[in-house]
Amino acid sequence: MASSSSSSGSGPVVTERRGIPGAQFVEDVHTYLAQSGLDVSSALAFLQERLQQYKLVEMKLLAQQRDLQAKIPDIEKCLDIVATLQAKKGTGEDLIADFEVSEGIYSRARVEETDCVCLWLGANVMLEYSLEEATGLLQKNLDNARASLEVLVADLQFLREQVTITQVTIARVYNWDVHQRRIQQAAPTTAQD
């Protein structure tokens, strides 16, 4: 039989990642229940609650991921527009652009040679930047968005692992309880024979 220190978990346990608590894989349900001081019902209730918390966090992270995935192409488009303005600079040519006025309604604009652009910063705030400053700011925003997306993907992977571990633990505790009840029911029958 395995030692009691290794019987309730296996290998190194990640306790948390960016505030998301790690789930403990339970190899020996009896030892787990004894160490936690819980009965089967309480342990199952605790594990179900933890699973629901994981699901809630997953929904929030997926929403953040969708927002970032929508934001990155917008930033890339802005960078392309600024690069086009820089390329037209000094040529004497006007830039002809179609832009969306409202959903499904477009207008054509003639953009004269310029040294600056206005960028929306959010909260109904727009600032004017030189083309070089705008490129730097947009590139920094793009890099930050990509880095945030990378961290979110890693967080989601960690979270999915914790959900799986918790689901397996719930199944193990439930099956152990069913097995113990069968043993208890079989014991009086064998004692009478």
N, C-alpha and C. Protein backbone atom coordinates (compact mmCIF):
# COMPACT_ATOMS: atom_id res chain seq x y z
N MET A 1 0.84 -1.18 0.00
CA MET A 1 0.00 0.00 0.00
C MET A 1 0.88 1.24 0.00
N ALA A 2 0.44 2.27 -0.68
CA ALA A 2 1.23 3.50 -0.78
C ALA A 2 1.23 4.24 0.55
N SER A 3 2.23 5.05 0.74
CA SER A 3 2.30 5.82 1.98
C SER A 3 1.19 6.85 2.00
N SER A 4 0.82 7.30 3.21
CA SER A 4 -0.31 8.21 3.34
C SER A 4 -0.03 9.58 2.73
N SER A 5 1.23 9.99 2.67
CA SER A 5 1.53 11.30 2.10
C SER A 5 1.34 11.33 0.59
N SER A 6 1.55 10.19 -0.07
CA SER A 6 1.37 10.16 -1.52
C SER A 6 0.04 9.57 -1.93
N SER A 7 -0.75 9.07 -0.96
CA SER A 7 -1.99 8.40 -1.33
C SER A 7 -3.12 9.37 -1.64
N SER A 8 -3.02 10.62 -1.20
CA SER A 8 -4.12 11.54 -1.48
C SER A 8 -3.84 12.42 -2.68
N GLY A 9 -2.65 12.40 -3.21
CA GLY A 9 -2.32 13.21 -4.39
C GLY A 9 -1.26 12.52 -5.20
N SER A 10 -0.98 13.03 -6.36
CA SER A 10 0.07 12.42 -7.18
C SER A 10 0.94 13.50 -7.77
N GLY A 11 2.21 13.43 -7.50
CA GLY A 11 3.16 14.37 -8.08
C GLY A 11 3.00 15.76 -7.49
N PRO A 12 3.73 16.72 -8.08
CA PRO A 12 3.63 18.09 -7.59
C PRO A 12 2.26 18.67 -7.89
N VAL A 13 1.68 19.35 -6.91
CA VAL A 13 0.35 19.92 -7.05
C VAL A 13 0.48 21.43 -7.22
N VAL A 14 -0.12 21.95 -8.29
CA VAL A 14 -0.15 23.39 -8.49
C VAL A 14 -1.27 23.93 -7.61
N THR A 15 -0.91 24.82 -6.68
CA THR A 15 -1.90 25.30 -5.74
C THR A 15 -2.80 26.37 -6.34
N GLU A 16 -2.26 27.21 -7.22
CA GLU A 16 -3.10 28.21 -7.87
C GLU A 16 -2.35 28.85 -9.03
N ARG A 17 -3.13 29.46 -9.91
CA ARG A 17 -2.56 30.22 -11.03
C ARG A 17 -3.39 31.48 -11.16
N ARG A 18 -2.78 32.61 -10.93
CA ARG A 18 -3.44 33.91 -11.05
C ARG A 18 -4.78 33.95 -10.32
N GLY A 19 -4.79 33.43 -9.10
CA GLY A 19 -6.00 33.47 -8.28
C GLY A 19 -6.95 32.30 -8.47
N ILE A 20 -6.66 31.41 -9.42
CA ILE A 20 -7.51 30.24 -9.64
C ILE A 20 -6.93 29.10 -8.80
N PRO A 21 -7.70 28.62 -7.81
CA PRO A 21 -7.13 27.56 -6.95
C PRO A 21 -6.99 26.25 -7.72
N GLY A 22 -5.94 25.53 -7.40
CA GLY A 22 -5.69 24.23 -8.02
C GLY A 22 -6.55 23.15 -7.38
N ALA A 23 -6.91 22.17 -8.18
CA ALA A 23 -7.70 21.04 -7.68
C ALA A 23 -6.76 19.92 -7.28
N GLN A 24 -7.14 19.19 -6.26
CA GLN A 24 -6.33 18.07 -5.77
C GLN A 24 -6.88 16.78 -6.36
N PHE A 25 -6.00 16.01 -7.01
CA PHE A 25 -6.41 14.70 -7.50
C PHE A 25 -6.41 13.74 -6.32
N VAL A 26 -7.49 13.03 -6.14
CA VAL A 26 -7.64 12.13 -5.00
C VAL A 26 -7.46 10.69 -5.47
N GLU A 27 -6.38 10.07 -4.98
CA GLU A 27 -6.15 8.65 -5.29
C GLU A 27 -6.86 7.76 -4.29
N ASP A 28 -6.78 8.11 -3.02
CA ASP A 28 -7.38 7.31 -1.96
C ASP A 28 -8.48 8.13 -1.31
N VAL A 29 -9.71 7.80 -1.62
CA VAL A 29 -10.86 8.58 -1.14
C VAL A 29 -10.97 8.52 0.38
N HIS A 30 -10.76 7.35 0.96
CA HIS A 30 -10.87 7.21 2.41
C HIS A 30 -9.90 8.15 3.12
N THR A 31 -8.65 8.17 2.68
CA THR A 31 -7.65 9.07 3.28
C THR A 31 -8.04 10.53 3.07
N TYR A 32 -8.51 10.85 1.87
CA TYR A 32 -8.95 12.22 1.56
C TYR A 32 -10.06 12.67 2.51
N LEU A 33 -11.06 11.81 2.70
CA LEU A 33 -12.16 12.16 3.59
C LEU A 33 -11.70 12.30 5.04
N ALA A 34 -10.80 11.42 5.45
CA ALA A 34 -10.29 11.49 6.82
C ALA A 34 -9.47 12.76 7.04
N GLN A 35 -8.61 13.09 6.08
CA GLN A 35 -7.76 14.28 6.22
C GLN A 35 -8.57 15.57 6.15
N SER A 36 -9.61 15.59 5.32
CA SER A 36 -10.40 16.81 5.18
C SER A 36 -11.46 16.93 6.28
N GLY A 37 -11.75 15.82 6.96
CA GLY A 37 -12.74 15.84 8.03
C GLY A 37 -14.17 15.95 7.52
N LEU A 38 -14.39 15.49 6.30
CA LEU A 38 -15.71 15.58 5.68
C LEU A 38 -16.32 14.20 5.51
N ASP A 39 -17.66 14.16 5.53
CA ASP A 39 -18.31 12.92 5.14
C ASP A 39 -18.52 12.99 3.62
N VAL A 40 -19.05 11.92 3.05
CA VAL A 40 -19.19 11.83 1.60
C VAL A 40 -20.09 12.95 1.06
N SER A 41 -21.21 13.19 1.71
CA SER A 41 -22.15 14.22 1.24
C SER A 41 -21.50 15.60 1.25
N SER A 42 -20.81 15.91 2.34
CA SER A 42 -20.15 17.21 2.44
C SER A 42 -19.03 17.35 1.41
N ALA A 43 -18.28 16.29 1.21
CA ALA A 43 -17.20 16.32 0.22
C ALA A 43 -17.75 16.53 -1.18
N LEU A 44 -18.83 15.81 -1.51
CA LEU A 44 -19.44 15.97 -2.83
C LEU A 44 -20.00 17.38 -3.00
N ALA A 45 -20.63 17.92 -1.96
CA ALA A 45 -21.16 19.29 -2.03
C ALA A 45 -20.03 20.29 -2.24
N PHE A 46 -18.93 20.12 -1.49
CA PHE A 46 -17.77 21.01 -1.65
C PHE A 46 -17.21 20.93 -3.07
N LEU A 47 -17.07 19.72 -3.58
CA LEU A 47 -16.50 19.54 -4.92
C LEU A 47 -17.43 20.10 -6.00
N GLN A 48 -18.73 19.93 -5.83
CA GLN A 48 -19.69 20.49 -6.79
C GLN A 48 -19.64 22.02 -6.78
N GLU A 49 -19.52 22.59 -5.59
CA GLU A 49 -19.42 24.04 -5.48
C GLU A 49 -18.14 24.54 -6.16
N ARG A 50 -17.04 23.85 -5.94
CA ARG A 50 -15.77 24.22 -6.57
C ARG A 50 -15.88 24.12 -8.09
N LEU A 51 -16.56 23.08 -8.57
CA LEU A 51 -16.76 22.90 -10.01
C LEU A 51 -17.56 24.07 -10.58
N GLN A 52 -18.58 24.50 -9.88
CA GLN A 52 -19.39 25.64 -10.34
C GLN A 52 -18.56 26.92 -10.36
N GLN A 53 -17.69 27.09 -9.37
CA GLN A 53 -16.81 28.26 -9.35
C GLN A 53 -15.87 28.24 -10.55
N TYR A 54 -15.33 27.07 -10.87
CA TYR A 54 -14.46 26.94 -12.05
C TYR A 54 -15.23 27.31 -13.32
N LYS A 55 -16.47 26.84 -13.43
CA LYS A 55 -17.28 27.12 -14.61
C LYS A 55 -17.55 28.62 -14.75
N LEU A 56 -17.79 29.29 -13.63
CA LEU A 56 -18.04 30.73 -13.64
C LEU A 56 -16.79 31.49 -14.11
N VAL A 57 -15.64 31.11 -13.56
CA VAL A 57 -14.39 31.74 -13.97
C VAL A 57 -14.12 31.48 -15.45
N GLU A 58 -14.43 30.27 -15.90
CA GLU A 58 -14.22 29.92 -17.30
C GLU A 58 -15.07 30.81 -18.22
N MET A 59 -16.32 31.06 -17.82
CA MET A 59 -17.19 31.93 -18.63
C MET A 59 -16.60 33.34 -18.72
N LYS A 60 -16.08 33.85 -17.61
CA LYS A 60 -15.49 35.19 -17.60
C LYS A 60 -14.24 35.25 -18.47
N LEU A 61 -13.40 34.24 -18.37
CA LEU A 61 -12.18 34.21 -19.17
C LEU A 61 -12.49 34.06 -20.66
N LEU A 62 -13.50 33.27 -20.99
CA LEU A 62 -13.88 33.12 -22.40
C LEU A 62 -14.41 34.43 -22.96
N ALA A 63 -15.14 35.20 -22.16
CA ALA A 63 -15.63 36.51 -22.60
C ALA A 63 -14.45 37.46 -22.84
N GLN A 64 -13.47 37.44 -21.94
CA GLN A 64 -12.28 38.27 -22.12
C GLN A 64 -11.52 37.85 -23.38
N GLN A 65 -11.45 36.55 -23.62
CA GLN A 65 -10.76 36.04 -24.80
C GLN A 65 -11.46 36.51 -26.08
N ARG A 66 -12.78 36.44 -26.10
CA ARG A 66 -13.54 36.90 -27.28
C ARG A 66 -13.30 38.39 -27.52
N ASP A 67 -13.30 39.18 -26.44
CA ASP A 67 -13.07 40.62 -26.57
C ASP A 67 -11.69 40.90 -27.17
N LEU A 68 -10.68 40.20 -26.65
CA LEU A 68 -9.32 40.41 -27.17
C LEU A 68 -9.20 39.94 -28.61
N GLN A 69 -9.84 38.83 -28.94
CA GLN A 69 -9.76 38.33 -30.31
C GLN A 69 -10.46 39.26 -31.28
N ALA A 70 -11.43 40.02 -30.82
CA ALA A 70 -12.09 41.02 -31.67
C ALA A 70 -11.26 42.31 -31.74
N LYS A 71 -10.57 42.61 -30.67
CA LYS A 71 -9.80 43.85 -30.57
C LYS A 71 -8.53 43.81 -31.43
N ILE A 72 -7.88 42.65 -31.48
CA ILE A 72 -6.60 42.54 -32.19
C ILE A 72 -6.74 42.88 -33.68
N PRO A 73 -7.72 42.35 -34.41
CA PRO A 73 -7.85 42.73 -35.83
C PRO A 73 -8.12 44.23 -36.02
N ASP A 74 -8.88 44.84 -35.09
CA ASP A 74 -9.14 46.28 -35.19
C ASP A 74 -7.85 47.08 -35.05
N ILE A 75 -7.01 46.69 -34.11
CA ILE A 75 -5.73 47.38 -33.93
C ILE A 75 -4.86 47.19 -35.17
N GLU A 76 -4.86 45.96 -35.71
CA GLU A 76 -4.05 45.71 -36.92
C GLU A 76 -4.54 46.55 -38.10
N LYS A 77 -5.86 46.71 -38.24
CA LYS A 77 -6.41 47.56 -39.30
C LYS A 77 -5.97 49.00 -39.12
N CYS A 78 -6.02 49.48 -37.89
CA CYS A 78 -5.58 50.86 -37.61
C CYS A 78 -4.10 51.03 -37.97
N LEU A 79 -3.29 50.04 -37.62
CA LEU A 79 -1.86 50.10 -37.97
C LEU A 79 -1.67 50.14 -39.48
N ASP A 80 -2.45 49.36 -40.21
CA ASP A 80 -2.37 49.36 -41.68
C ASP A 80 -2.74 50.73 -42.25
N ILE A 81 -3.78 51.35 -41.69
CA ILE A 81 -4.21 52.66 -42.17
C ILE A 81 -3.13 53.70 -41.92
N VAL A 82 -2.54 53.68 -40.74
CA VAL A 82 -1.47 54.64 -40.43
C VAL A 82 -0.27 54.38 -41.34
N ALA A 83 0.05 53.12 -41.60
CA ALA A 83 1.16 52.79 -42.51
C ALA A 83 0.86 53.29 -43.93
N THR A 84 -0.39 53.16 -44.36
CA THR A 84 -0.78 53.66 -45.69
C THR A 84 -0.64 55.18 -45.75
N LEU A 85 -1.07 55.86 -44.69
CA LEU A 85 -0.92 57.32 -44.64
C LEU A 85 0.56 57.73 -44.69
N GLN A 86 1.40 56.98 -43.99
CA GLN A 86 2.84 57.27 -44.01
C GLN A 86 3.42 57.02 -45.40
N ALA A 87 2.94 55.97 -46.07
CA ALA A 87 3.44 55.66 -47.41
C ALA A 87 3.03 56.72 -48.41
N LYS A 88 1.85 57.30 -48.25
CA LYS A 88 1.35 58.35 -49.17
C LYS A 88 1.98 59.70 -48.88
N LYS A 89 2.58 59.83 -47.71
CA LYS A 89 3.18 61.10 -47.31
C LYS A 89 4.31 61.47 -48.27
N GLY A 90 4.26 62.68 -48.77
CA GLY A 90 5.32 63.16 -49.65
C GLY A 90 5.09 62.85 -51.12
N THR A 91 4.08 62.06 -51.45
CA THR A 91 3.82 61.72 -52.84
C THR A 91 2.92 62.75 -53.51
N GLY A 92 2.20 63.54 -52.73
CA GLY A 92 1.28 64.52 -53.28
C GLY A 92 -0.07 63.92 -53.65
N GLU A 93 -0.23 62.63 -53.50
CA GLU A 93 -1.49 61.95 -53.80
C GLU A 93 -2.42 62.00 -52.60
N ASP A 94 -3.71 62.15 -52.90
CA ASP A 94 -4.71 62.03 -51.84
C ASP A 94 -5.07 60.55 -51.68
N LEU A 95 -5.48 60.19 -50.51
CA LEU A 95 -5.91 58.81 -50.24
C LEU A 95 -7.43 58.77 -50.37
N ILE A 96 -7.92 57.88 -51.19
CA ILE A 96 -9.36 57.68 -51.33
C ILE A 96 -9.73 56.47 -50.47
N ALA A 97 -10.68 56.68 -49.55
CA ALA A 97 -11.05 55.61 -48.62
C ALA A 97 -12.55 55.53 -48.49
N ASP A 98 -13.05 54.29 -48.42
CA ASP A 98 -14.46 54.04 -48.11
C ASP A 98 -14.51 53.70 -46.62
N PHE A 99 -15.45 54.35 -45.91
CA PHE A 99 -15.55 54.07 -44.48
C PHE A 99 -17.01 53.86 -44.11
N GLU A 100 -17.22 53.11 -43.06
CA GLU A 100 -18.57 52.78 -42.62
C GLU A 100 -19.11 53.91 -41.75
N VAL A 101 -20.24 54.48 -42.18
CA VAL A 101 -20.89 55.54 -41.42
C VAL A 101 -21.81 54.93 -40.37
N SER A 102 -22.53 53.94 -40.79
CA SER A 102 -23.46 53.21 -39.93
C SER A 102 -23.49 51.78 -40.46
N GLU A 103 -24.15 50.91 -39.75
CA GLU A 103 -24.17 49.52 -40.19
C GLU A 103 -24.74 49.41 -41.60
N GLY A 104 -23.90 48.96 -42.53
CA GLY A 104 -24.33 48.78 -43.92
C GLY A 104 -24.32 50.04 -44.76
N ILE A 105 -23.96 51.18 -44.20
CA ILE A 105 -23.92 52.44 -44.94
C ILE A 105 -22.48 52.93 -44.99
N TYR A 106 -21.98 53.10 -46.21
CA TYR A 106 -20.59 53.51 -46.40
C TYR A 106 -20.55 54.84 -47.13
N SER A 107 -19.45 55.54 -46.96
CA SER A 107 -19.22 56.79 -47.65
C SER A 107 -17.77 56.80 -48.14
N ARG A 108 -17.53 57.57 -49.16
CA ARG A 108 -16.19 57.69 -49.71
C ARG A 108 -15.59 59.01 -49.24
N ALA A 109 -14.33 58.98 -48.88
CA ALA A 109 -13.65 60.19 -48.41
C ALA A 109 -12.32 60.35 -49.13
N ARG A 110 -11.96 61.59 -49.31
CA ARG A 110 -10.65 61.92 -49.86
C ARG A 110 -9.83 62.48 -48.71
N VAL A 111 -8.75 61.78 -48.36
CA VAL A 111 -7.90 62.18 -47.24
C VAL A 111 -6.65 62.83 -47.83
N GLU A 112 -6.51 64.10 -47.53
CA GLU A 112 -5.33 64.81 -48.02
C GLU A 112 -4.12 64.40 -47.21
N GLU A 113 -2.95 64.68 -47.77
CA GLU A 113 -1.70 64.34 -47.08
C GLU A 113 -1.71 64.97 -45.69
N THR A 114 -1.34 64.16 -44.69
CA THR A 114 -1.39 64.63 -43.30
C THR A 114 -0.21 64.09 -42.51
N ASP A 115 0.09 64.78 -41.45
CA ASP A 115 1.16 64.35 -40.54
C ASP A 115 0.61 63.77 -39.24
N CYS A 116 -0.73 63.79 -39.09
CA CYS A 116 -1.30 63.33 -37.83
C CYS A 116 -2.62 62.60 -38.07
N VAL A 117 -3.00 61.82 -37.07
CA VAL A 117 -4.27 61.10 -37.06
C VAL A 117 -4.90 61.25 -35.68
N CYS A 118 -6.20 61.03 -35.63
CA CYS A 118 -6.91 61.04 -34.35
C CYS A 118 -7.28 59.60 -34.01
N LEU A 119 -7.00 59.21 -32.78
CA LEU A 119 -7.30 57.85 -32.32
C LEU A 119 -8.29 57.90 -31.18
N TRP A 120 -9.28 56.97 -31.22
CA TRP A 120 -10.21 56.83 -30.11
C TRP A 120 -9.48 56.11 -28.98
N LEU A 121 -9.54 56.70 -27.79
CA LEU A 121 -8.91 56.06 -26.63
C LEU A 121 -9.95 55.36 -25.77
N GLY A 122 -11.21 55.61 -26.03
CA GLY A 122 -12.29 55.03 -25.23
C GLY A 122 -12.93 56.08 -24.37
N ALA A 123 -14.08 55.79 -23.81
CA ALA A 123 -14.82 56.71 -22.94
C ALA A 123 -15.05 58.05 -23.64
N ASN A 124 -15.37 57.97 -24.94
CA ASN A 124 -15.64 59.15 -25.77
C ASN A 124 -14.47 60.14 -25.78
N VAL A 125 -13.26 59.62 -25.78
CA VAL A 125 -12.06 60.45 -25.82
C VAL A 125 -11.29 60.14 -27.09
N MET A 126 -10.94 61.19 -27.82
CA MET A 126 -10.15 61.06 -29.03
C MET A 126 -8.97 62.02 -28.92
N LEU A 127 -7.78 61.56 -29.27
CA LEU A 127 -6.59 62.40 -29.22
C LEU A 127 -5.90 62.39 -30.57
N GLU A 128 -5.25 63.50 -30.86
CA GLU A 128 -4.50 63.60 -32.11
C GLU A 128 -3.05 63.21 -31.85
N TYR A 129 -2.53 62.37 -32.75
CA TYR A 129 -1.15 61.89 -32.65
C TYR A 129 -0.46 62.11 -33.98
N SER A 130 0.85 62.28 -33.93
CA SER A 130 1.61 62.26 -35.17
C SER A 130 1.58 60.83 -35.69
N LEU A 131 1.87 60.65 -36.97
CA LEU A 131 1.83 59.30 -37.55
C LEU A 131 2.79 58.36 -36.83
N GLU A 132 3.97 58.86 -36.47
CA GLU A 132 4.96 58.04 -35.77
C GLU A 132 4.49 57.67 -34.37
N GLU A 133 3.92 58.67 -33.66
CA GLU A 133 3.40 58.38 -32.31
C GLU A 133 2.24 57.39 -32.37
N ALA A 134 1.37 57.57 -33.36
CA ALA A 134 0.22 56.66 -33.51
C ALA A 134 0.69 55.24 -33.78
N THR A 135 1.71 55.10 -34.64
CA THR A 135 2.25 53.77 -34.93
C THR A 135 2.81 53.14 -33.66
N GLY A 136 3.57 53.91 -32.90
CA GLY A 136 4.14 53.39 -31.65
C GLY A 136 3.06 52.98 -30.65
N LEU A 137 2.05 53.84 -30.48
CA LEU A 137 0.97 53.54 -29.54
C LEU A 137 0.18 52.31 -29.98
N LEU A 138 -0.17 52.25 -31.24
CA LEU A 138 -0.94 51.11 -31.74
C LEU A 138 -0.13 49.82 -31.66
N GLN A 139 1.16 49.88 -31.97
CA GLN A 139 2.00 48.69 -31.88
C GLN A 139 2.11 48.20 -30.43
N LYS A 140 2.24 49.16 -29.50
CA LYS A 140 2.29 48.80 -28.08
C LYS A 140 0.97 48.15 -27.64
N ASN A 141 -0.16 48.74 -28.08
CA ASN A 141 -1.47 48.17 -27.75
C ASN A 141 -1.64 46.77 -28.34
N LEU A 142 -1.15 46.58 -29.56
CA LEU A 142 -1.23 45.27 -30.21
C LEU A 142 -0.38 44.24 -29.45
N ASP A 143 0.82 44.62 -29.08
CA ASP A 143 1.69 43.71 -28.33
C ASP A 143 1.07 43.34 -26.99
N ASN A 144 0.50 44.35 -26.30
CA ASN A 144 -0.16 44.09 -25.01
C ASN A 144 -1.36 43.17 -25.16
N ALA A 145 -2.16 43.40 -26.21
CA ALA A 145 -3.34 42.56 -26.44
C ALA A 145 -2.93 41.12 -26.74
N ARG A 146 -1.89 40.94 -27.55
CA ARG A 146 -1.43 39.58 -27.86
C ARG A 146 -0.87 38.89 -26.63
N ALA A 147 -0.13 39.64 -25.80
CA ALA A 147 0.42 39.06 -24.57
C ALA A 147 -0.71 38.68 -23.61
N SER A 148 -1.71 39.54 -23.50
CA SER A 148 -2.86 39.24 -22.64
C SER A 148 -3.62 38.02 -23.14
N LEU A 149 -3.76 37.90 -24.45
CA LEU A 149 -4.44 36.74 -25.02
C LEU A 149 -3.67 35.47 -24.74
N GLU A 150 -2.35 35.54 -24.81
CA GLU A 150 -1.51 34.38 -24.52
C GLU A 150 -1.70 33.93 -23.07
N VAL A 151 -1.73 34.89 -22.15
CA VAL A 151 -1.92 34.58 -20.72
C VAL A 151 -3.32 33.99 -20.50
N LEU A 152 -4.32 34.56 -21.17
CA LEU A 152 -5.69 34.05 -21.04
C LEU A 152 -5.81 32.62 -21.53
N VAL A 153 -5.15 32.32 -22.63
CA VAL A 153 -5.19 30.95 -23.17
C VAL A 153 -4.56 29.98 -22.17
N ALA A 154 -3.44 30.39 -21.57
CA ALA A 154 -2.79 29.54 -20.56
C ALA A 154 -3.69 29.38 -19.33
N ASP A 155 -4.36 30.47 -18.92
CA ASP A 155 -5.27 30.39 -17.78
C ASP A 155 -6.43 29.44 -18.08
N LEU A 156 -6.97 29.53 -19.28
CA LEU A 156 -8.07 28.64 -19.67
C LEU A 156 -7.64 27.19 -19.70
N GLN A 157 -6.41 26.94 -20.16
CA GLN A 157 -5.90 25.56 -20.17
C GLN A 157 -5.77 25.04 -18.74
N PHE A 158 -5.20 25.86 -17.86
CA PHE A 158 -5.08 25.48 -16.45
C PHE A 158 -6.45 25.21 -15.85
N LEU A 159 -7.41 26.08 -16.15
CA LEU A 159 -8.75 25.95 -15.61
C LEU A 159 -9.42 24.68 -16.11
N ARG A 160 -9.25 24.36 -17.37
CA ARG A 160 -9.84 23.12 -17.91
C ARG A 160 -9.24 21.89 -17.23
N GLU A 161 -7.96 21.94 -16.93
CA GLU A 161 -7.33 20.83 -16.20
C GLU A 161 -7.94 20.70 -14.81
N GLN A 162 -8.19 21.83 -14.15
CA GLN A 162 -8.77 21.79 -12.80
C GLN A 162 -10.20 21.27 -12.84
N VAL A 163 -10.95 21.64 -13.88
CA VAL A 163 -12.32 21.13 -14.05
C VAL A 163 -12.29 19.62 -14.21
N THR A 164 -11.38 19.13 -15.05
CA THR A 164 -11.28 17.69 -15.28
C THR A 164 -10.90 16.96 -14.00
N ILE A 165 -9.92 17.48 -13.28
CA ILE A 165 -9.50 16.85 -12.02
C ILE A 165 -10.67 16.82 -11.03
N THR A 166 -11.40 17.92 -10.95
CA THR A 166 -12.53 17.99 -10.01
C THR A 166 -13.64 17.01 -10.42
N GLN A 167 -13.92 16.92 -11.71
CA GLN A 167 -14.94 15.97 -12.17
C GLN A 167 -14.53 14.53 -11.88
N VAL A 168 -13.26 14.23 -12.09
CA VAL A 168 -12.77 12.87 -11.79
C VAL A 168 -12.86 12.60 -10.29
N THR A 169 -12.51 13.59 -9.48
CA THR A 169 -12.58 13.43 -8.03
C THR A 169 -14.02 13.21 -7.58
N ILE A 170 -14.94 13.96 -8.14
CA ILE A 170 -16.37 13.76 -7.81
C ILE A 170 -16.78 12.33 -8.13
N ALA A 171 -16.40 11.87 -9.31
CA ALA A 171 -16.75 10.49 -9.71
C ALA A 171 -16.11 9.48 -8.78
N ARG A 172 -14.85 9.70 -8.40
CA ARG A 172 -14.16 8.76 -7.51
C ARG A 172 -14.82 8.71 -6.13
N VAL A 173 -15.17 9.88 -5.58
CA VAL A 173 -15.81 9.92 -4.26
C VAL A 173 -17.18 9.25 -4.33
N TYR A 174 -17.94 9.54 -5.36
CA TYR A 174 -19.27 8.94 -5.51
C TYR A 174 -19.17 7.42 -5.65
N ASN A 175 -18.27 6.97 -6.51
CA ASN A 175 -18.11 5.52 -6.72
C ASN A 175 -17.61 4.83 -5.46
N TRP A 176 -16.73 5.46 -4.73
CA TRP A 176 -16.23 4.90 -3.47
C TRP A 176 -17.40 4.74 -2.49
N ASP A 177 -18.27 5.76 -2.42
CA ASP A 177 -19.42 5.71 -1.53
C ASP A 177 -20.36 4.57 -1.92
N VAL A 178 -20.62 4.41 -3.22
CA VAL A 178 -21.48 3.32 -3.69
C VAL A 178 -20.86 1.98 -3.31
N HIS A 179 -19.55 1.85 -3.51
CA HIS A 179 -18.85 0.61 -3.17
C HIS A 179 -18.96 0.31 -1.67
N GLN A 180 -18.77 1.34 -0.83
CA GLN A 180 -18.85 1.15 0.62
C GLN A 180 -20.27 0.73 1.03
N ARG A 181 -21.27 1.30 0.39
CA ARG A 181 -22.65 0.92 0.72
C ARG A 181 -22.94 -0.53 0.33
N ARG A 182 -22.41 -0.95 -0.80
CA ARG A 182 -22.60 -2.34 -1.23
C ARG A 182 -21.93 -3.30 -0.26
N ILE A 183 -20.74 -2.92 0.23
CA ILE A 183 -20.03 -3.76 1.20
C ILE A 183 -20.86 -3.86 2.48
N GLN A 184 -21.43 -2.72 2.93
CA GLN A 184 -22.24 -2.72 4.16
C GLN A 184 -23.51 -3.55 3.98
N GLN A 185 -24.10 -3.49 2.82
CA GLN A 185 -25.32 -4.27 2.57
C GLN A 185 -25.01 -5.76 2.47
N ALA A 186 -23.85 -6.08 1.93
CA ALA A 186 -23.46 -7.49 1.76
C ALA A 186 -23.02 -8.09 3.10
N ALA A 187 -22.48 -7.30 4.02
CA ALA A 187 -21.98 -7.80 5.30
C ALA A 187 -23.08 -8.48 6.13
N PRO A 188 -24.26 -7.88 6.32
CA PRO A 188 -25.28 -8.56 7.12
C PRO A 188 -25.78 -9.84 6.44
N THR A 189 -25.81 -9.87 5.12
CA THR A 189 -26.27 -11.07 4.42
C THR A 189 -25.29 -12.21 4.65
N THR A 190 -23.99 -11.95 4.61
CA THR A 190 -23.00 -12.99 4.83
C THR A 190 -22.97 -13.42 6.29
N ALA A 191 -23.28 -12.51 7.20
CA ALA A 191 -23.28 -12.87 8.62
C ALA A 191 -24.44 -13.80 8.95
N GLN A 192 -25.55 -13.69 8.23
CA GLN A 192 -26.71 -14.56 8.49
C GLN A 192 -26.48 -15.95 7.92
N ASP A 193 -25.69 -16.10 6.89
CA ASP A 193 -25.48 -17.42 6.25
C ASP A 193 -24.63 -18.30 7.07
